[in-house]
Protein backbone atom coordinates (compact mmCIF):
# COMPACT_ATOMS: atom_id res chain seq x y z
CA MET A 1 -0.02 0.35 0.13
CA GLN A 2 2.85 2.42 0.91
CA ARG A 3 4.43 1.60 -2.59
CA ILE A 4 1.32 2.58 -4.26
CA THR A 5 0.66 5.98 -2.33
CA LEU A 6 4.68 6.56 -3.07
CA LEU A 7 3.67 5.90 -6.99
CA ILE A 8 0.36 8.58 -6.74
CA ALA A 9 2.59 11.23 -4.93
CA LEU A 10 5.59 10.95 -7.39
CA GLY A 11 3.45 11.09 -10.16
CA ALA A 12 1.32 13.67 -9.09
CA PHE A 13 4.73 15.85 -8.60
CA ALA A 14 6.02 15.02 -11.96
CA ALA A 15 2.48 15.94 -13.45
CA THR A 16 3.15 19.63 -11.57
CA LEU A 17 6.79 19.68 -12.85
CA PHE A 18 5.45 19.20 -15.94
CA ALA A 19 2.73 21.79 -15.83
CA ALA A 20 5.20 24.21 -14.40
CA ASP A 21 7.30 24.56 -17.81
CA PRO A 22 7.72 27.87 -18.36
CA PHE A 23 7.76 27.47 -22.28
CA THR A 24 4.37 25.82 -22.49
CA GLY A 25 1.56 27.98 -23.70
CA THR A 26 1.02 30.24 -26.86
CA TRP A 27 3.33 32.66 -28.29
CA LYS A 28 2.57 35.46 -30.88
CA MET A 29 5.88 37.14 -32.36
CA ASN A 30 6.37 40.36 -31.59
CA ALA A 31 7.34 41.86 -34.93
CA ALA A 32 8.84 45.95 -34.00
CA LYS A 33 11.43 43.89 -31.48
CA THR A 34 11.77 41.10 -34.04
CA LYS A 35 15.60 41.86 -35.66
CA TYR A 36 17.53 39.91 -38.26
CA THR A 37 20.98 40.86 -39.79
CA THR A 38 20.17 38.57 -42.49
CA GLY A 39 17.28 37.60 -44.34
CA LEU A 40 13.82 38.62 -43.21
CA PRO A 41 11.70 37.55 -40.29
CA PRO A 42 8.00 35.99 -40.70
CA LYS A 43 5.33 39.17 -41.07
CA GLU A 44 4.00 36.96 -38.26
CA GLN A 45 3.82 33.75 -36.23
CA THR A 46 2.53 32.21 -33.87
CA ILE A 47 3.58 29.00 -31.91
CA ALA A 48 1.87 27.09 -29.57
CA ILE A 49 4.49 24.54 -26.99
CA GLY A 50 2.95 22.13 -24.79
CA VAL A 51 3.74 18.56 -23.33
CA SER A 52 2.09 15.50 -24.05
CA GLY A 53 3.36 12.49 -21.92
CA THR A 54 7.05 12.62 -22.55
CA ASP A 55 7.38 14.84 -25.49
CA ILE A 56 7.27 18.72 -25.84
CA THR A 57 5.15 19.37 -28.55
CA MET A 58 5.16 22.70 -30.87
CA THR A 59 2.78 23.70 -33.91
CA GLY A 60 3.51 26.85 -35.40
CA SER A 61 1.77 29.07 -37.92
CA GLY A 62 2.29 32.75 -39.73
CA ILE A 63 2.62 34.65 -42.97
CA GLY A 64 6.37 34.66 -44.09
CA PRO A 65 8.18 37.68 -45.34
CA ASP A 66 6.99 36.74 -48.81
CA GLY A 67 3.55 36.81 -47.84
CA SER A 68 3.44 32.47 -47.85
CA LYS A 69 1.68 30.80 -45.21
CA ILE A 70 4.27 29.06 -42.93
CA ALA A 71 3.62 26.15 -40.49
CA MET A 72 5.19 23.41 -38.89
CA SER A 73 4.49 20.63 -36.42
CA TYR A 74 7.25 18.43 -34.39
CA SER A 75 7.92 16.84 -30.92
CA PHE A 76 11.40 15.71 -28.89
CA PRO A 77 11.84 14.12 -25.72
CA LEU A 78 11.54 16.57 -22.63
CA GLY A 79 14.80 15.21 -21.69
CA GLY A 80 16.20 16.32 -25.30
CA GLY A 81 17.09 14.31 -27.86
CA ALA A 82 15.92 13.11 -31.45
CA GLY A 83 12.15 13.79 -32.47
CA LYS A 84 9.16 13.19 -34.57
CA VAL A 85 8.68 15.87 -37.65
CA THR A 86 5.06 15.93 -37.96
CA SER A 87 4.70 18.96 -40.72
CA THR A 88 7.87 20.78 -41.74
CA VAL A 89 10.18 21.07 -44.73
CA TYR A 90 13.16 19.59 -42.36
CA ASP A 91 13.66 15.57 -41.86
CA GLY A 92 14.62 15.86 -39.11
CA VAL A 93 14.68 17.97 -35.29
CA VAL A 94 16.49 17.45 -32.06
CA GLY A 95 15.87 19.20 -28.99
CA LYS A 96 18.14 20.24 -26.06
CA THR A 97 17.28 21.40 -22.69
CA ILE A 98 20.03 24.02 -21.54
CA SER A 99 18.04 24.79 -18.22
CA PRO A 100 14.61 25.05 -17.09
CA THR A 101 14.30 28.64 -18.97
CA GLU A 102 16.70 27.89 -21.61
CA ARG A 103 16.23 25.28 -25.12
CA GLU A 104 17.73 24.85 -28.46
CA VAL A 105 16.41 22.68 -31.31
CA SER A 106 18.28 21.96 -33.97
CA TYR A 107 16.30 21.43 -37.51
CA THR A 108 18.22 18.82 -39.85
CA LYS A 109 17.83 18.10 -43.59
CA ASP A 110 19.08 14.99 -45.28
CA GLY A 111 20.91 14.59 -42.05
CA LYS A 112 22.51 17.91 -42.01
CA ALA A 113 22.44 19.93 -39.55
CA VAL A 114 20.59 23.71 -41.06
CA TYR A 115 18.96 25.76 -38.68
CA THR A 116 19.38 26.27 -34.97
CA ALA A 117 16.97 28.04 -32.65
CA HIS A 118 17.65 29.00 -28.93
CA SER A 119 14.99 30.07 -27.08
CA LYS A 120 14.86 31.81 -23.33
CA VAL A 121 11.79 32.33 -21.89
CA SER A 122 12.53 35.51 -19.29
CA ALA A 123 12.25 35.63 -15.60
CA ASP A 124 8.51 36.84 -15.32
CA GLY A 125 7.64 33.94 -17.79
CA LYS A 126 5.78 36.53 -19.84
CA SER A 127 8.20 36.83 -22.76
CA MET A 128 10.71 34.44 -24.87
CA THR A 129 13.78 35.27 -27.39
CA VAL A 130 14.68 32.95 -30.04
CA THR A 131 17.80 33.26 -31.71
CA LEU A 132 17.67 31.80 -35.21
CA LYS A 133 20.81 30.83 -37.23
CA GLY A 134 20.84 28.77 -40.52
CA THR A 135 18.70 27.98 -43.52
CA ASN A 136 14.64 28.78 -42.94
CA PRO A 137 11.68 26.64 -44.04
CA LEU A 138 11.72 29.16 -47.10
CA GLY A 139 15.10 27.96 -48.05
CA GLN A 140 16.82 31.73 -46.93
CA MET A 141 19.72 31.87 -45.21
CA ILE A 142 19.03 33.88 -41.78
CA ASP A 143 20.68 35.03 -38.76
CA GLY A 144 18.41 37.12 -36.02
CA VAL A 145 16.34 37.63 -32.86
CA ALA A 146 12.95 36.96 -32.82
CA PHE A 147 10.59 38.05 -29.75
CA TYR A 148 7.95 36.59 -28.75
CA ASP A 149 5.37 37.86 -26.21
CA LYS A 150 2.91 34.76 -24.36
CA GLN A 151 -0.69 34.90 -25.09
CA LYS A 152 -2.01 32.36 -22.58
């Protein structure tokens, strides 16, 4: 009986930790703050980050700098590692947790890393800074910093 009680308590504690992930929620790009030194940022972008079982899930949509629709969807393990691409031009994704408020995601094409997004959530949890470098989903070289405001 004590083992069952302990397992239930550990499960509840783990669920609380996952729910408290500062990345989870809906984020909207703040176009006024977003600055690229190479290439052009999207005109608008919204991303939703969640936790499903032992994976981090991400879906994103928006409008590219050329007016085209952009969309992506993928997941990777909470502890980091290779993930599963659901919808994007990339054929692979690898996530890495650096700290509770900092992550890095690398995107691969034909087995080669071509794009990296280094994300950091602010101390108050209301904004996120994403440093981007490589070939974006439209095939353009970019280097810049995107700023996101938490919506929910």
